[in-house]
Amino acid sequence: MGTVREFRLRTTGPEGTRAVAAAVARHLEPGDVVALSGELGAGKTCFVQGAAAELGVERTVTSPTFVLVRQYAGRLPIVHCDVYRLDRLGDLLELGDEVLAPDVVTFIEWGDAVATLLPADRWDIDLRAPAPDGADGTDGTDGTDGQGSDQSSPGGSDVDEDVPEGADRSIVVRLAGRTAERVAAVAAEFDADPTVTVDGGER
């Protein structure tokens, strides 16, 4: 994978998740791939929502679990994938020519499951919601999205709105390959944001 730089961050709610996503989005370029990992309910879709808003997307961003791929127009075109339901790794390459295209930014939920098919130059975002009692910021938690959908089943919401406010979320932002060259600029974003705490990592 070559050079790897990472930040370990803590946030205390959806606002912080979206703030991290917006900071990352300001440094995305055409052709970038953002692989999102974490338990159901950790906030993968919430992260994409924050990034899309920063990139000027006006449509509502929703999970593509059942349709597999959604596209959004913004300052950079966005392709949003969810590979939870893919039967085979190779199915990623059959989702359409727009996936991983050089003129879009591709966000892949459950990207760790298809990591071997992704380019070495990419962003890896690992999100962890607190345990159900709110005491642990490293374990995932299931729940509902506030509208009755079950996050413990495939296709449930992955916005982290139902995670208790004030409970730390853990987000690891990892820049691999050529994306690592942007590490200093991204670091400055987190230093200036009061909703995000830098827990450690390389600068």
Protein backbone atom coordinates (compact mmCIF):
# COMPACT_ATOMS: atom_id res chain seq x y z
CA MET A 1 0.00 0.00 0.00
CA GLY A 2 3.02 2.28 0.28
CA THR A 3 3.04 5.30 2.57
CA VAL A 4 0.23 5.41 5.13
CA ARG A 5 -0.69 8.29 7.43
CA GLU A 6 -3.61 8.28 9.83
CA PHE A 7 -5.51 10.32 12.40
CA ARG A 8 -7.40 8.84 15.30
CA LEU A 9 -10.28 11.17 16.14
CA ARG A 10 -13.10 11.37 18.66
CA THR A 11 -16.42 13.11 18.11
CA THR A 12 -19.52 13.38 20.26
CA GLY A 13 -22.39 13.18 17.82
CA PRO A 14 -23.57 13.28 14.20
CA GLU A 15 -22.41 16.91 13.97
CA GLY A 16 -18.85 15.80 14.65
CA THR A 17 -19.09 12.90 12.19
CA ARG A 18 -20.23 15.29 9.48
CA ALA A 19 -17.52 17.79 10.44
CA VAL A 20 -14.82 15.16 9.93
CA ALA A 21 -16.42 14.22 6.61
CA ALA A 22 -16.56 17.86 5.49
CA ALA A 23 -12.87 18.33 6.35
CA VAL A 24 -11.96 15.27 4.33
CA ALA A 25 -14.19 16.38 1.45
CA ARG A 26 -12.34 19.68 1.12
CA HIS A 27 -9.25 17.69 0.11
CA LEU A 28 -10.83 15.13 -2.20
CA GLU A 29 -9.91 15.05 -5.87
CA PRO A 30 -11.43 13.37 -8.95
CA GLY A 31 -10.63 9.68 -8.90
CA ASP A 32 -10.38 9.45 -5.11
CA VAL A 33 -11.81 6.37 -3.42
CA VAL A 34 -13.10 6.57 0.15
CA ALA A 35 -13.61 3.16 1.79
CA LEU A 36 -15.84 3.28 4.88
CA SER A 37 -15.88 0.55 7.51
CA GLY A 38 -17.61 0.07 10.86
CA GLU A 39 -20.52 -1.71 12.47
CA LEU A 40 -24.14 -1.10 11.50
CA GLY A 41 -25.17 2.21 12.99
CA ALA A 42 -21.65 3.57 13.33
CA GLY A 43 -22.35 6.44 10.93
CA LYS A 44 -21.02 5.47 7.50
CA THR A 45 -23.97 7.04 5.67
CA CYS A 46 -23.82 10.02 8.03
CA PHE A 47 -20.20 10.50 6.97
CA VAL A 48 -21.14 10.46 3.28
CA GLN A 49 -23.90 12.98 3.99
CA GLY A 50 -21.38 15.38 5.53
CA ALA A 51 -18.95 14.98 2.66
CA ALA A 52 -21.67 15.39 0.03
CA ALA A 53 -22.96 18.58 1.64
CA GLU A 54 -19.46 20.04 1.61
CA LEU A 55 -19.15 19.14 -2.08
CA GLY A 56 -22.35 21.02 -2.91
CA VAL A 57 -24.77 18.11 -3.25
CA GLU A 58 -28.31 19.42 -2.77
CA ARG A 59 -30.19 16.11 -2.90
CA THR A 60 -30.81 14.08 0.25
CA VAL A 61 -28.13 11.41 0.61
CA THR A 62 -29.54 8.04 1.68
CA SER A 63 -28.08 4.58 2.10
CA PRO A 64 -27.73 2.69 -1.20
CA THR A 65 -28.03 -0.72 0.49
CA PHE A 66 -30.83 -2.04 -1.71
CA VAL A 67 -29.97 -0.25 -4.96
CA LEU A 68 -26.21 -0.76 -4.37
CA VAL A 69 -25.17 2.48 -6.14
CA ARG A 70 -26.40 6.07 -6.03
CA GLN A 71 -24.95 9.04 -7.90
CA TYR A 72 -24.98 12.70 -6.89
CA ALA A 73 -24.03 15.86 -8.73
CA GLY A 74 -21.87 18.38 -6.87
CA ARG A 75 -18.64 20.30 -7.34
CA LEU A 76 -17.20 16.80 -7.71
CA PRO A 77 -19.50 14.02 -8.95
CA ILE A 78 -20.11 11.45 -6.21
CA VAL A 79 -20.73 7.72 -6.57
CA HIS A 80 -22.00 6.16 -3.33
CA CYS A 81 -21.89 2.35 -3.09
CA ASP A 82 -22.90 -0.17 -0.47
CA VAL A 83 -21.33 -3.62 -0.92
CA TYR A 84 -23.06 -5.26 2.07
CA ARG A 85 -25.23 -7.43 -0.17
CA LEU A 86 -22.67 -8.44 -2.76
CA ASP A 87 -22.27 -12.22 -3.03
CA ARG A 88 -18.76 -12.13 -4.45
CA LEU A 89 -15.89 -9.66 -4.25
CA GLY A 90 -15.76 -9.48 -8.02
CA ASP A 91 -19.34 -8.19 -8.12
CA LEU A 92 -17.94 -4.76 -7.21
CA LEU A 93 -16.50 -4.49 -10.70
CA GLU A 94 -19.92 -5.19 -12.21
CA LEU A 95 -21.78 -2.37 -10.45
CA GLY A 96 -21.22 0.01 -13.36
CA ASP A 97 -18.53 1.95 -15.17
CA GLU A 98 -19.05 4.96 -12.90
CA VAL A 99 -17.80 3.04 -9.85
CA LEU A 100 -14.10 3.84 -9.29
CA ALA A 101 -14.15 6.06 -12.39
CA PRO A 102 -11.31 8.61 -12.66
CA ASP A 103 -13.61 11.64 -12.85
CA VAL A 104 -15.71 10.96 -9.72
CA VAL A 105 -15.21 10.46 -6.00
CA THR A 106 -16.34 6.97 -5.00
CA PHE A 107 -17.56 6.31 -1.45
CA ILE A 108 -17.86 2.61 -0.59
CA GLU A 109 -19.69 1.53 2.55
CA TRP A 110 -18.29 -1.74 3.96
CA GLY A 111 -15.22 -0.99 1.85
CA ASP A 112 -13.01 -3.17 4.04
CA ALA A 113 -14.84 -6.20 2.61
CA VAL A 114 -13.56 -5.43 -0.89
CA ALA A 115 -10.22 -3.83 0.03
CA THR A 116 -8.24 -6.17 -2.20
CA LEU A 117 -10.06 -4.76 -5.24
CA LEU A 118 -9.57 -1.11 -4.35
CA PRO A 119 -6.69 1.10 -5.48
CA ALA A 120 -3.72 1.40 -3.13
CA ASP A 121 -4.07 5.20 -3.28
CA ARG A 122 -7.21 5.74 -1.24
CA TRP A 123 -8.82 7.03 1.94
CA ASP A 124 -9.86 4.47 4.58
CA ILE A 125 -12.39 5.72 7.13
CA ASP A 126 -13.07 3.45 10.10
CA LEU A 127 -16.02 4.49 12.29
CA ARG A 128 -16.87 3.02 15.67
CA ALA A 129 -19.99 3.94 17.64
CA PRO A 130 -20.06 3.51 21.42
CA ALA A 131 -21.33 0.35 23.09
CA PRO A 132 -25.05 0.43 23.98
CA ASP A 133 -24.33 1.77 27.46
CA GLY A 134 -22.27 4.58 25.95
CA ALA A 135 -19.22 3.53 27.92
CA ASP A 136 -17.04 2.39 25.07
CA GLY A 137 -16.19 4.31 21.90
CA THR A 138 -14.63 1.34 20.11
CA ASP A 139 -17.49 -1.13 19.69
CA GLY A 140 -20.43 -0.91 17.32
CA THR A 141 -24.03 -0.56 18.39
CA ASP A 142 -27.30 -1.41 16.71
CA GLY A 143 -30.58 0.47 17.08
CA THR A 144 -33.14 2.27 15.02
CA ASP A 145 -32.98 5.31 12.83
CA GLY A 146 -35.84 7.03 14.63
CA GLN A 147 -38.33 5.85 12.00
CA GLY A 148 -38.62 2.23 13.00
CA SER A 149 -36.03 0.67 10.70
CA ASP A 150 -33.88 -2.02 12.28
CA GLN A 151 -30.17 -1.35 12.04
CA SER A 152 -29.40 -4.90 13.09
CA SER A 153 -30.70 -6.16 9.74
CA PRO A 154 -29.19 -5.44 6.31
CA GLY A 155 -30.50 -2.21 4.90
CA GLY A 156 -31.09 -0.52 8.24
CA SER A 157 -30.06 3.08 8.67
CA ASP A 158 -26.39 3.81 9.14
CA VAL A 159 -26.74 7.41 10.23
CA ASP A 160 -25.69 7.69 13.84
CA GLU A 161 -28.53 9.92 15.00
CA ASP A 162 -29.70 7.40 17.64
CA VAL A 163 -26.31 7.08 19.32
CA PRO A 164 -26.49 8.94 22.64
CA GLU A 165 -25.34 12.55 22.49
CA GLY A 166 -22.10 13.07 24.40
CA ALA A 167 -20.96 9.49 23.77
CA ASP A 168 -17.65 9.41 21.95
CA ARG A 169 -17.46 8.07 18.44
CA SER A 170 -14.07 6.88 17.26
CA ILE A 171 -13.08 7.72 13.67
CA VAL A 172 -9.80 6.69 12.08
CA VAL A 173 -8.93 8.62 8.92
CA ARG A 174 -6.22 6.79 7.02
CA LEU A 175 -4.51 8.19 3.90
CA ALA A 176 -2.70 5.61 1.83
CA GLY A 177 -0.39 5.89 -1.15
CA ARG A 178 -0.43 9.22 -2.96
CA THR A 179 -3.29 10.54 -0.82
CA ALA A 180 -0.84 10.59 2.12
CA GLU A 181 0.76 13.65 0.54
CA ARG A 182 -2.29 15.64 1.69
CA VAL A 183 -1.81 14.75 5.34
CA ALA A 184 -0.59 18.17 6.55
CA ALA A 185 -3.51 20.04 5.00
CA VAL A 186 -6.03 17.61 6.45
CA ALA A 187 -4.40 17.85 9.90
CA ALA A 188 -4.92 21.59 9.95
CA GLU A 189 -8.65 21.07 9.40
CA PHE A 190 -9.01 18.96 12.53
CA ASP A 191 -6.92 21.30 14.67
CA ALA A 192 -9.39 24.11 14.00
CA ASP A 193 -12.64 22.20 14.60
CA PRO A 194 -14.09 22.32 18.13
CA THR A 195 -16.40 19.33 17.47
CA VAL A 196 -13.48 16.98 16.81
CA THR A 197 -10.73 15.81 19.16
CA VAL A 198 -7.46 14.54 17.70
CA ASP A 199 -6.70 11.39 19.67
CA GLY A 200 -3.37 10.65 18.05
CA GLY A 201 -1.73 9.77 14.77
CA GLU A 202 0.91 10.99 12.39
CA ARG A 203 1.31 14.57 11.21
